[in-house]
Amino acid sequence: MDGGVISLAISFSICYIFAILVAVTKADVIWGSTEWLSLISIYVLGLIYISLFYLIGLYVSTKTRQPHISMLAALLIWAFLVLVMPTLPDYLGKEIFPAPSTTKFMYDGQLGWEHERREVLRKIKKPYQDRGFTSVEIDSIAKGEIDAALKPLQEKRRKSEQDFMKKIGFQFAASTAVAMLSPFASFTLAGNELSATGISNQIYFKKLTEPYQSAFWKYIRERQKEERAKGRNADMNTQLDLSGRPKFEYKETPFILRIAAAAVPILFLIIFNILFFVLAVKAFLRYDVR
């Protein structure tokens, strides 16, 4: 048993080291300690994953007497775990917690928000426009009225987004829970988290962008005020000089956060390894050589 795992580990290690050497020598990137630690973690993850399928094959071979049946059974188990099971979580999650697609929600929500907003502003500004006031004067005179009219719309939009995100959260939680039952899905989820391309990195990136978005839109509003002060009509469709806009600085996800996010799927892989190891040993001890 140990010899088989070691043989697979040696083959995997040679390929992995070769891939790293190619990336280091050919790719124009600078790797820091976080990246190297992630590479080592992914290597260990790969060893855990391939050892699992070795143990599954060992268990199947001890439960069957004919080699061709053993090979066919192992192939069917592999196909089920790798090809079938990973496709079930998304379907089951959508069935248990149905929610509209993000693109449809954002598109329809933005269109509805803009339409309602323009209607509110049109009704407020029309009496002032009929009396000959300019856009700059209207924005100054009717500021309190406009803010009061837009507040219910903003609250309605905020509540709608919260409800949508709650549905998406439940859907994702259900899909992830089911996905953990597939070793391939657990391996993929853990690998994504360790390489900073998973869900936790998306959440981390969103937290990084929130302060920047606030600063950016604050800058836009200030530029629009400057344009209106010059007597020009400035709205969301007006082209502005944004040369002085705030700059966004991206910071890599810390390694400790990557490990924490990958801990659960890695734990599932370890549990699968222990389970099939015990099953394989038990089946081997009961094997009748006659």
C-alpha atoms as a PDB file:
ATOM      1  CA  MET A   1       0.000   0.000   0.000  1.00  0.00           C
ATOM      2  CA  ASP A   2       2.764   2.442   0.973  1.00  0.00           C
ATOM      3  CA  GLY A   3       4.727   1.551  -2.149  1.00  0.00           C
ATOM      4  CA  GLY A   4       1.835   2.443  -4.425  1.00  0.00           C
ATOM      5  CA  VAL A   5       1.278   5.813  -2.776  1.00  0.00           C
ATOM      6  CA  ILE A   6       5.017   6.588  -2.884  1.00  0.00           C
ATOM      7  CA  SER A   7       5.198   5.684  -6.590  1.00  0.00           C
ATOM      8  CA  LEU A   8       2.317   8.019  -7.381  1.00  0.00           C
ATOM      9  CA  ALA A   9       3.842  10.742  -5.194  1.00  0.00           C
ATOM     10  CA  ILE A  10       7.181  10.526  -7.037  1.00  0.00           C
ATOM     11  CA  SER A  11       5.516  10.785 -10.459  1.00  0.00           C
ATOM     12  CA  PHE A  12       3.353  13.688  -9.327  1.00  0.00           C
ATOM     13  CA  SER A  13       6.327  15.464  -7.709  1.00  0.00           C
ATOM     14  CA  ILE A  14       8.418  15.286 -10.889  1.00  0.00           C
ATOM     15  CA  CYS A  15       5.596  16.789 -12.978  1.00  0.00           C
ATOM     16  CA  TYR A  16       4.858  19.454 -10.365  1.00  0.00           C
ATOM     17  CA  ILE A  17       8.490  20.533 -10.028  1.00  0.00           C
ATOM     18  CA  PHE A  18       8.857  20.680 -13.812  1.00  0.00           C
ATOM     19  CA  ALA A  19       5.729  22.868 -14.083  1.00  0.00           C
ATOM     20  CA  ILE A  20       7.083  25.228 -11.403  1.00  0.00           C
ATOM     21  CA  LEU A  21      10.453  25.478 -13.168  1.00  0.00           C
ATOM     22  CA  VAL A  22       8.729  26.383 -16.430  1.00  0.00           C
ATOM     23  CA  ALA A  23       6.607  29.011 -14.674  1.00  0.00           C
ATOM     24  CA  VAL A  24       9.602  30.506 -12.862  1.00  0.00           C
ATOM     25  CA  THR A  25      11.808  30.699 -15.954  1.00  0.00           C
ATOM     26  CA  LYS A  26       9.212  31.628 -18.584  1.00  0.00           C
ATOM     27  CA  ALA A  27       6.503  33.631 -16.795  1.00  0.00           C
ATOM     28  CA  ASP A  28       7.215  37.312 -16.213  1.00  0.00           C
ATOM     29  CA  VAL A  29       5.987  37.321 -12.613  1.00  0.00           C
ATOM     30  CA  ILE A  30       7.546  37.916  -9.217  1.00  0.00           C
ATOM     31  CA  TRP A  31       6.612  35.362  -6.576  1.00  0.00           C
ATOM     32  CA  GLY A  32       6.688  36.276  -2.907  1.00  0.00           C
ATOM     33  CA  SER A  33       6.466  34.154   0.212  1.00  0.00           C
ATOM     34  CA  THR A  34       2.662  33.951  -0.052  1.00  0.00           C
ATOM     35  CA  GLU A  35       2.826  32.488  -3.549  1.00  0.00           C
ATOM     36  CA  TRP A  36       5.484  29.926  -2.606  1.00  0.00           C
ATOM     37  CA  LEU A  37       3.541  28.841   0.468  1.00  0.00           C
ATOM     38  CA  SER A  38       0.442  28.477  -1.711  1.00  0.00           C
ATOM     39  CA  LEU A  39       2.372  26.330  -4.215  1.00  0.00           C
ATOM     40  CA  ILE A  40       3.592  24.055  -1.426  1.00  0.00           C
ATOM     41  CA  SER A  41       0.056  23.792  -0.036  1.00  0.00           C
ATOM     42  CA  ILE A  42      -1.365  22.927  -3.460  1.00  0.00           C
ATOM     43  CA  TYR A  43       1.339  20.261  -3.823  1.00  0.00           C
ATOM     44  CA  VAL A  44       0.322  18.669  -0.510  1.00  0.00           C
ATOM     45  CA  LEU A  45      -3.325  18.935  -1.571  1.00  0.00           C
ATOM     46  CA  GLY A  46      -2.499  17.094  -4.799  1.00  0.00           C
ATOM     47  CA  LEU A  47      -0.828  14.288  -2.849  1.00  0.00           C
ATOM     48  CA  ILE A  48      -3.905  13.902  -0.657  1.00  0.00           C
ATOM     49  CA  TYR A  49      -6.146  13.820  -3.728  1.00  0.00           C
ATOM     50  CA  ILE A  50      -4.208  11.200  -5.712  1.00  0.00           C
ATOM     51  CA  SER A  51      -3.765   9.024  -2.624  1.00  0.00           C
ATOM     52  CA  LEU A  52      -7.550   9.001  -2.239  1.00  0.00           C
ATOM     53  CA  PHE A  53      -8.121   7.549  -5.700  1.00  0.00           C
ATOM     54  CA  TYR A  54      -5.349   5.032  -5.108  1.00  0.00           C
ATOM     55  CA  LEU A  55      -7.124   3.895  -1.939  1.00  0.00           C
ATOM     56  CA  ILE A  56     -10.441   3.713  -3.793  1.00  0.00           C
ATOM     57  CA  GLY A  57      -8.807   1.529  -6.444  1.00  0.00           C
ATOM     58  CA  LEU A  58      -7.215  -0.625  -3.769  1.00  0.00           C
ATOM     59  CA  TYR A  59     -10.554  -1.085  -2.032  1.00  0.00           C
ATOM     60  CA  VAL A  60     -12.294  -2.036  -5.276  1.00  0.00           C
ATOM     61  CA  SER A  61      -9.550  -4.526  -6.183  1.00  0.00           C
ATOM     62  CA  THR A  62      -9.870  -6.279  -2.820  1.00  0.00           C
ATOM     63  CA  LYS A  63     -13.651  -6.563  -3.190  1.00  0.00           C
ATOM     64  CA  THR A  64     -13.527  -8.148  -6.656  1.00  0.00           C
ATOM     65  CA  ARG A  65     -11.788 -11.286  -7.881  1.00  0.00           C
ATOM     66  CA  GLN A  66     -11.436 -10.618 -11.611  1.00  0.00           C
ATOM     67  CA  PRO A  67      -9.067  -7.828 -12.768  1.00  0.00           C
ATOM     68  CA  HIS A  68     -11.335  -6.697 -15.619  1.00  0.00           C
ATOM     69  CA  ILE A  69     -14.283  -6.287 -13.217  1.00  0.00           C
ATOM     70  CA  SER A  70     -12.062  -4.401 -10.797  1.00  0.00           C
ATOM     71  CA  MET A  71     -10.904  -2.038 -13.542  1.00  0.00           C
ATOM     72  CA  LEU A  72     -14.445  -1.464 -14.813  1.00  0.00           C
ATOM     73  CA  ALA A  73     -15.787  -0.813 -11.301  1.00  0.00           C
ATOM     74  CA  ALA A  74     -12.948   1.615 -10.548  1.00  0.00           C
ATOM     75  CA  LEU A  75     -13.624   3.441 -13.820  1.00  0.00           C
ATOM     76  CA  LEU A  76     -17.343   3.739 -13.032  1.00  0.00           C
ATOM     77  CA  ILE A  77     -16.624   5.047  -9.527  1.00  0.00           C
ATOM     78  CA  TRP A  78     -14.154   7.569 -10.943  1.00  0.00           C
ATOM     79  CA  ALA A  79     -16.681   8.742 -13.550  1.00  0.00           C
ATOM     80  CA  PHE A  80     -19.380   9.131 -10.908  1.00  0.00           C
ATOM     81  CA  LEU A  81     -17.167  11.043  -8.453  1.00  0.00           C
ATOM     82  CA  VAL A  82     -15.471  13.264 -11.041  1.00  0.00           C
ATOM     83  CA  LEU A  83     -18.052  13.732 -13.803  1.00  0.00           C
ATOM     84  CA  VAL A  84     -21.485  13.222 -12.226  1.00  0.00           C
ATOM     85  CA  MET A  85     -21.345  14.405  -8.611  1.00  0.00           C
ATOM     86  CA  PRO A  86     -19.780  17.859  -9.304  1.00  0.00           C
ATOM     87  CA  THR A  87     -22.721  18.713 -11.579  1.00  0.00           C
ATOM     88  CA  LEU A  88     -25.361  18.006  -8.921  1.00  0.00           C
ATOM     89  CA  PRO A  89     -24.666  20.802  -6.358  1.00  0.00           C
ATOM     90  CA  ASP A  90     -25.599  23.728  -8.618  1.00  0.00           C
ATOM     91  CA  TYR A  91     -28.784  22.027  -9.749  1.00  0.00           C
ATOM     92  CA  LEU A  92     -29.834  21.055  -6.223  1.00  0.00           C
ATOM     93  CA  GLY A  93     -28.938  24.495  -4.840  1.00  0.00           C
ATOM     94  CA  LYS A  94     -31.105  26.221  -7.447  1.00  0.00           C
ATOM     95  CA  GLU A  95     -33.971  23.821  -6.778  1.00  0.00           C
ATOM     96  CA  ILE A  96     -33.811  24.230  -2.991  1.00  0.00           C
ATOM     97  CA  PHE A  97     -33.203  28.014  -2.973  1.00  0.00           C
ATOM     98  CA  PRO A  98     -34.330  29.436  -6.348  1.00  0.00           C
ATOM     99  CA  ALA A  99     -33.021  32.896  -7.242  1.00  0.00           C
ATOM    100  CA  PRO A 100     -32.739  34.935 -10.471  1.00  0.00           C
ATOM    101  CA  SER A 101     -29.381  35.129 -12.200  1.00  0.00           C
ATOM    102  CA  THR A 102     -27.055  37.917 -11.055  1.00  0.00           C
ATOM    103  CA  THR A 103     -26.911  39.427 -14.553  1.00  0.00           C
ATOM    104  CA  LYS A 104     -30.701  39.548 -14.881  1.00  0.00           C
ATOM    105  CA  PHE A 105     -31.124  40.984 -11.379  1.00  0.00           C
ATOM    106  CA  MET A 106     -28.495  43.691 -11.885  1.00  0.00           C
ATOM    107  CA  TYR A 107     -29.766  44.608 -15.364  1.00  0.00           C
ATOM    108  CA  ASP A 108     -33.462  44.722 -14.462  1.00  0.00           C
ATOM    109  CA  GLY A 109     -32.755  46.396 -11.125  1.00  0.00           C
ATOM    110  CA  GLN A 110     -30.586  49.106 -12.650  1.00  0.00           C
ATOM    111  CA  LEU A 111     -33.115  49.818 -15.398  1.00  0.00           C
ATOM    112  CA  GLY A 112     -35.971  50.028 -12.905  1.00  0.00           C
ATOM    113  CA  TRP A 113     -33.961  52.232 -10.538  1.00  0.00           C
ATOM    114  CA  GLU A 114     -32.925  54.649 -13.293  1.00  0.00           C
ATOM    115  CA  HIS A 115     -36.483  54.858 -14.640  1.00  0.00           C
ATOM    116  CA  GLU A 116     -38.012  55.595 -11.218  1.00  0.00           C
ATOM    117  CA  ARG A 117     -35.222  58.048 -10.380  1.00  0.00           C
ATOM    118  CA  ARG A 118     -35.669  60.005 -13.599  1.00  0.00           C
ATOM    119  CA  GLU A 119     -39.427  60.140 -13.116  1.00  0.00           C
ATOM    120  CA  VAL A 120     -39.025  61.510  -9.582  1.00  0.00           C
ATOM    121  CA  LEU A 121     -36.472  64.107 -10.690  1.00  0.00           C
ATOM    122  CA  ARG A 122     -38.601  65.118 -13.680  1.00  0.00           C
ATOM    123  CA  LYS A 123     -41.667  65.739 -11.515  1.00  0.00           C
ATOM    124  CA  ILE A 124     -39.660  67.797  -9.022  1.00  0.00           C
ATOM    125  CA  LYS A 125     -37.673  69.828 -11.551  1.00  0.00           C
ATOM    126  CA  LYS A 126     -40.447  70.546 -14.077  1.00  0.00           C
ATOM    127  CA  PRO A 127     -42.165  73.341 -12.072  1.00  0.00           C
ATOM    128  CA  TYR A 128     -38.807  75.062 -11.565  1.00  0.00           C
ATOM    129  CA  GLN A 129     -37.875  74.652 -15.225  1.00  0.00           C
ATOM    130  CA  ASP A 130     -41.209  76.182 -16.249  1.00  0.00           C
ATOM    131  CA  ARG A 131     -40.332  79.200 -14.120  1.00  0.00           C
ATOM    132  CA  GLY A 132     -36.977  79.605 -15.904  1.00  0.00           C
ATOM    133  CA  PHE A 133     -34.543  78.228 -13.320  1.00  0.00           C
ATOM    134  CA  THR A 134     -31.312  76.620 -14.571  1.00  0.00           C
ATOM    135  CA  SER A 135     -30.181  73.101 -13.633  1.00  0.00           C
ATOM    136  CA  VAL A 136     -27.599  74.488 -11.203  1.00  0.00           C
ATOM    137  CA  GLU A 137     -30.202  76.663  -9.494  1.00  0.00           C
ATOM    138  CA  ILE A 138     -32.715  73.807  -9.301  1.00  0.00           C
ATOM    139  CA  ASP A 139     -30.138  71.467  -7.736  1.00  0.00           C
ATOM    140  CA  SER A 140     -29.428  74.095  -5.098  1.00  0.00           C
ATOM    141  CA  ILE A 141     -33.019  75.163  -4.398  1.00  0.00           C
ATOM    142  CA  ALA A 142     -34.658  71.721  -4.474  1.00  0.00           C
ATOM    143  CA  LYS A 143     -31.820  69.732  -2.889  1.00  0.00           C
ATOM    144  CA  GLY A 144     -33.796  68.835   0.241  1.00  0.00           C
ATOM    145  CA  GLU A 145     -36.879  67.928  -1.775  1.00  0.00           C
ATOM    146  CA  ILE A 146     -34.853  65.753  -4.146  1.00  0.00           C
ATOM    147  CA  ASP A 147     -33.054  63.956  -1.314  1.00  0.00           C
ATOM    148  CA  ALA A 148     -36.343  63.285   0.482  1.00  0.00           C
ATOM    149  CA  ALA A 149     -37.933  61.925  -2.713  1.00  0.00           C
ATOM    150  CA  LEU A 150     -34.981  59.675  -3.564  1.00  0.00           C
ATOM    151  CA  LYS A 151     -34.597  58.258  -0.058  1.00  0.00           C
ATOM    152  CA  PRO A 152     -37.539  55.775  -0.346  1.00  0.00           C
ATOM    153  CA  LEU A 153     -36.202  54.610  -3.716  1.00  0.00           C
ATOM    154  CA  GLN A 154     -32.743  54.057  -2.264  1.00  0.00           C
ATOM    155  CA  GLU A 155     -34.207  52.150   0.676  1.00  0.00           C
ATOM    156  CA  LYS A 156     -36.295  50.024  -1.691  1.00  0.00           C
ATOM    157  CA  ARG A 157     -33.229  49.257  -3.800  1.00  0.00           C
ATOM    158  CA  ARG A 158     -31.121  48.432  -0.744  1.00  0.00           C
ATOM    159  CA  LYS A 159     -33.769  46.017   0.581  1.00  0.00           C
ATOM    160  CA  SER A 160     -34.093  44.365  -2.826  1.00  0.00           C
ATOM    161  CA  GLU A 161     -30.325  43.851  -3.020  1.00  0.00           C
ATOM    162  CA  GLN A 162     -30.231  42.441   0.514  1.00  0.00           C
ATOM    163  CA  ASP A 163     -33.009  39.953  -0.281  1.00  0.00           C
ATOM    164  CA  PHE A 164     -31.239  38.909  -3.473  1.00  0.00           C
ATOM    165  CA  MET A 165     -27.881  38.455  -1.728  1.00  0.00           C
ATOM    166  CA  LYS A 166     -29.585  36.430   1.015  1.00  0.00           C
ATOM    167  CA  LYS A 167     -31.086  34.077  -1.590  1.00  0.00           C
ATOM    168  CA  ILE A 168     -27.736  33.773  -3.353  1.00  0.00           C
ATOM    169  CA  GLY A 169     -26.045  33.081  -0.013  1.00  0.00           C
ATOM    170  CA  PHE A 170     -28.460  30.264   0.844  1.00  0.00           C
ATOM    171  CA  GLN A 171     -28.115  28.851  -2.669  1.00  0.00           C
ATOM    172  CA  PHE A 172     -24.321  28.926  -2.465  1.00  0.00           C
ATOM    173  CA  ALA A 173     -24.280  27.345   1.010  1.00  0.00           C
ATOM    174  CA  ALA A 174     -26.508  24.483  -0.153  1.00  0.00           C
ATOM    175  CA  SER A 175     -24.456  23.941  -3.322  1.00  0.00           C
ATOM    176  CA  THR A 176     -21.170  23.969  -1.410  1.00  0.00           C
ATOM    177  CA  ALA A 177     -22.444  21.520   1.209  1.00  0.00           C
ATOM    178  CA  VAL A 178     -23.487  19.033  -1.484  1.00  0.00           C
ATOM    179  CA  ALA A 179     -20.284  19.626  -3.456  1.00  0.00           C
ATOM    180  CA  MET A 180     -18.161  18.550  -0.494  1.00  0.00           C
ATOM    181  CA  LEU A 181     -19.456  14.998  -0.993  1.00  0.00           C
ATOM    182  CA  SER A 182     -17.453  14.816  -4.226  1.00  0.00           C
ATOM    183  CA  PRO A 183     -13.670  14.424  -3.779  1.00  0.00           C
ATOM    184  CA  PHE A 184     -13.090  16.189  -7.089  1.00  0.00           C
ATOM    185  CA  ALA A 185     -15.250  19.154  -6.050  1.00  0.00           C
ATOM    186  CA  SER A 186     -13.496  19.323  -2.666  1.00  0.00           C
ATOM    187  CA  PHE A 187     -10.126  19.264  -4.432  1.00  0.00           C
ATOM    188  CA  THR A 188     -11.213  22.009  -6.835  1.00  0.00           C
ATOM    189  CA  LEU A 189     -12.644  24.210  -4.077  1.00  0.00           C
ATOM    190  CA  ALA A 190      -9.511  23.837  -1.949  1.00  0.00           C
ATOM    191  CA  GLY A 191      -7.224  24.491  -4.918  1.00  0.00           C
ATOM    192  CA  ASN A 192      -9.157  27.617  -5.854  1.00  0.00           C
ATOM    193  CA  GLU A 193      -8.920  28.964  -2.320  1.00  0.00           C
ATOM    194  CA  LEU A 194      -5.190  28.239  -2.024  1.00  0.00           C
ATOM    195  CA  SER A 195      -4.514  29.946  -5.367  1.00  0.00           C
ATOM    196  CA  ALA A 196      -6.645  32.974  -4.378  1.00  0.00           C
ATOM    197  CA  THR A 197      -9.226  32.395  -7.108  1.00  0.00           C
ATOM    198  CA  GLY A 198     -12.059  31.102  -4.921  1.00  0.00           C
ATOM    199  CA  ILE A 199     -15.115  32.554  -3.240  1.00  0.00           C
ATOM    200  CA  SER A 200     -13.242  33.846  -0.199  1.00  0.00           C
ATOM    201  CA  ASN A 201     -10.927  35.831  -2.467  1.00  0.00           C
ATOM    202  CA  GLN A 202     -13.965  37.323  -4.202  1.00  0.00           C
ATOM    203  CA  ILE A 203     -15.318  38.432  -0.823  1.00  0.00           C
ATOM    204  CA  TYR A 204     -11.886  39.773   0.142  1.00  0.00           C
ATOM    205  CA  PHE A 205     -11.658  41.693  -3.143  1.00  0.00           C
ATOM    206  CA  LYS A 206     -15.139  43.144  -2.639  1.00  0.00           C
ATOM    207  CA  LYS A 207     -14.132  44.445   0.793  1.00  0.00           C
ATOM    208  CA  LEU A 208     -11.074  46.054  -0.792  1.00  0.00           C
ATOM    209  CA  THR A 209     -13.126  47.746  -3.498  1.00  0.00           C
ATOM    210  CA  GLU A 210     -15.885  49.146  -1.269  1.00  0.00           C
ATOM    211  CA  PRO A 211     -13.787  52.061   0.147  1.00  0.00           C
ATOM    212  CA  TYR A 212     -12.423  52.753  -3.326  1.00  0.00           C
ATOM    213  CA  GLN A 213     -15.891  52.815  -4.888  1.00  0.00           C
ATOM    214  CA  SER A 214     -17.080  55.271  -2.231  1.00  0.00           C
ATOM    215  CA  ALA A 215     -14.073  57.521  -2.875  1.00  0.00           C
ATOM    216  CA  PHE A 216     -14.493  57.219  -6.646  1.00  0.00           C
ATOM    217  CA  TRP A 217     -18.182  58.163  -6.673  1.00  0.00           C
ATOM    218  CA  LYS A 218     -17.503  60.980  -4.244  1.00  0.00           C
ATOM    219  CA  TYR A 219     -14.931  62.268  -6.732  1.00  0.00           C
ATOM    220  CA  ILE A 220     -17.476  61.955  -9.584  1.00  0.00           C
ATOM    221  CA  ARG A 221     -20.076  63.964  -7.654  1.00  0.00           C
ATOM    222  CA  GLU A 222     -17.507  66.664  -6.892  1.00  0.00           C
ATOM    223  CA  ARG A 223     -16.548  66.889 -10.568  1.00  0.00           C
ATOM    224  CA  GLN A 224     -20.224  67.159 -11.528  1.00  0.00           C
ATOM    225  CA  LYS A 225     -20.680  69.994  -9.027  1.00  0.00           C
ATOM    226  CA  GLU A 226     -17.679  71.771 -10.526  1.00  0.00           C
ATOM    227  CA  GLU A 227     -19.185  71.445 -14.002  1.00  0.00           C
ATOM    228  CA  ARG A 228     -22.559  72.751 -12.808  1.00  0.00           C
ATOM    229  CA  ALA A 229     -20.842  75.666 -11.068  1.00  0.00           C
ATOM    230  CA  LYS A 230     -19.454  76.616 -14.485  1.00  0.00           C
ATOM    231  CA  GLY A 231     -22.994  76.686 -15.871  1.00  0.00           C
ATOM    232  CA  ARG A 232     -22.774  73.340 -17.663  1.00  0.00           C
ATOM    233  CA  ASN A 233     -25.320  70.551 -17.448  1.00  0.00           C
ATOM    234  CA  ALA A 234     -23.613  67.553 -15.803  1.00  0.00           C
ATOM    235  CA  ASP A 235     -25.319  64.205 -15.204  1.00  0.00           C
ATOM    236  CA  MET A 236     -24.372  60.513 -15.353  1.00  0.00           C
ATOM    237  CA  ASN A 237     -24.101  60.666 -19.162  1.00  0.00           C
ATOM    238  CA  THR A 238     -21.794  63.700 -19.236  1.00  0.00           C
ATOM    239  CA  GLN A 239     -18.168  63.058 -20.167  1.00  0.00           C
ATOM    240  CA  LEU A 240     -15.867  64.321 -17.406  1.00  0.00           C
ATOM    241  CA  ASP A 241     -12.130  64.775 -17.022  1.00  0.00           C
ATOM    242  CA  LEU A 242     -11.184  62.025 -14.554  1.00  0.00           C
ATOM    243  CA  SER A 243      -7.413  62.479 -14.625  1.00  0.00           C
ATOM    244  CA  GLY A 244      -7.374  63.193 -10.875  1.00  0.00           C
ATOM    245  CA  ARG A 245      -9.468  60.183  -9.895  1.00  0.00           C
ATOM    246  CA  PRO A 246      -8.354  58.084  -6.892  1.00  0.00           C
ATOM    247  CA  LYS A 247      -6.155  55.080  -7.685  1.00  0.00           C
ATOM    248  CA  PHE A 248      -7.051  51.555  -6.642  1.00  0.00           C
ATOM    249  CA  GLU A 249      -4.324  49.482  -4.984  1.00  0.00           C
ATOM    250  CA  TYR A 250      -4.813  45.710  -4.884  1.00  0.00           C
ATOM    251  CA  LYS A 251      -3.321  43.648  -2.063  1.00  0.00           C
ATOM    252  CA  GLU A 252      -2.944  39.879  -2.351  1.00  0.00           C
ATOM    253  CA  THR A 253      -5.019  37.658  -0.088  1.00  0.00           C
ATOM    254  CA  PRO A 254      -2.912  36.723   2.970  1.00  0.00           C
ATOM    255  CA  PHE A 255      -1.843  33.080   3.101  1.00  0.00           C
ATOM    256  CA  ILE A 256      -3.540  32.502   6.453  1.00  0.00           C
ATOM    257  CA  LEU A 257      -6.895  33.471   4.901  1.00  0.00           C
ATOM    258  CA  ARG A 258      -6.313  31.095   1.991  1.00  0.00           C
ATOM    259  CA  ILE A 259      -5.610  28.193   4.343  1.00  0.00           C
ATOM    260  CA  ALA A 260      -8.624  29.037   6.500  1.00  0.00           C
ATOM    261  CA  ALA A 261     -10.912  29.108   3.443  1.00  0.00           C
ATOM    262  CA  ALA A 262      -9.534  25.795   2.133  1.00  0.00           C
ATOM    263  CA  ALA A 263      -9.639  24.037   5.515  1.00  0.00           C
ATOM    264  CA  VAL A 264     -13.117  22.496   5.174  1.00  0.00           C
ATOM    265  CA  PRO A 265     -12.693  20.908   1.701  1.00  0.00           C
ATOM    266  CA  ILE A 266      -9.214  19.679   2.715  1.00  0.00           C
ATOM    267  CA  LEU A 267     -10.748  18.144   5.833  1.00  0.00           C
ATOM    268  CA  PHE A 268     -13.310  16.340   3.670  1.00  0.00           C
ATOM    269  CA  LEU A 269     -10.514  14.931   1.482  1.00  0.00           C
ATOM    270  CA  ILE A 270      -8.656  13.707   4.564  1.00  0.00           C
ATOM    271  CA  ILE A 271     -11.852  12.088   5.879  1.00  0.00           C
ATOM    272  CA  PHE A 272     -12.363  10.363   2.504  1.00  0.00           C
ATOM    273  CA  ASN A 273      -8.763   9.086   2.658  1.00  0.00           C
ATOM    274  CA  ILE A 274      -9.227   7.701   6.160  1.00  0.00           C
ATOM    275  CA  LEU A 275     -12.566   6.140   5.216  1.00  0.00           C
ATOM    276  CA  PHE A 276     -11.289   4.288   2.151  1.00  0.00           C
ATOM    277  CA  PHE A 277      -8.066   3.329   3.933  1.00  0.00           C
ATOM    278  CA  VAL A 278     -10.092   1.656   6.677  1.00  0.00           C
ATOM    279  CA  LEU A 279     -12.392   0.026   4.114  1.00  0.00           C
ATOM    280  CA  ALA A 280      -9.435  -1.221   2.053  1.00  0.00           C
ATOM    281  CA  VAL A 281      -7.642  -2.683   5.097  1.00  0.00           C
ATOM    282  CA  LYS A 282     -10.861  -4.283   6.339  1.00  0.00           C
ATOM    283  CA  ALA A 283     -11.587  -5.774   2.920  1.00  0.00           C
ATOM    284  CA  PHE A 284      -7.996  -7.033   2.629  1.00  0.00           C
ATOM    285  CA  LEU A 285      -8.121  -8.751   6.034  1.00  0.00           C
ATOM    286  CA  ARG A 286     -11.342 -10.496   5.021  1.00  0.00           C
ATOM    287  CA  TYR A 287     -10.044 -11.468   1.584  1.00  0.00           C
ATOM    288  CA  ASP A 288     -10.189 -15.199   0.917  1.00  0.00           C
ATOM    289  CA  VAL A 289      -7.133 -16.250  -1.104  1.00  0.00           C
ATOM    290  CA  ARG A 290      -8.644 -19.627  -2.006  1.00  0.00           C
END
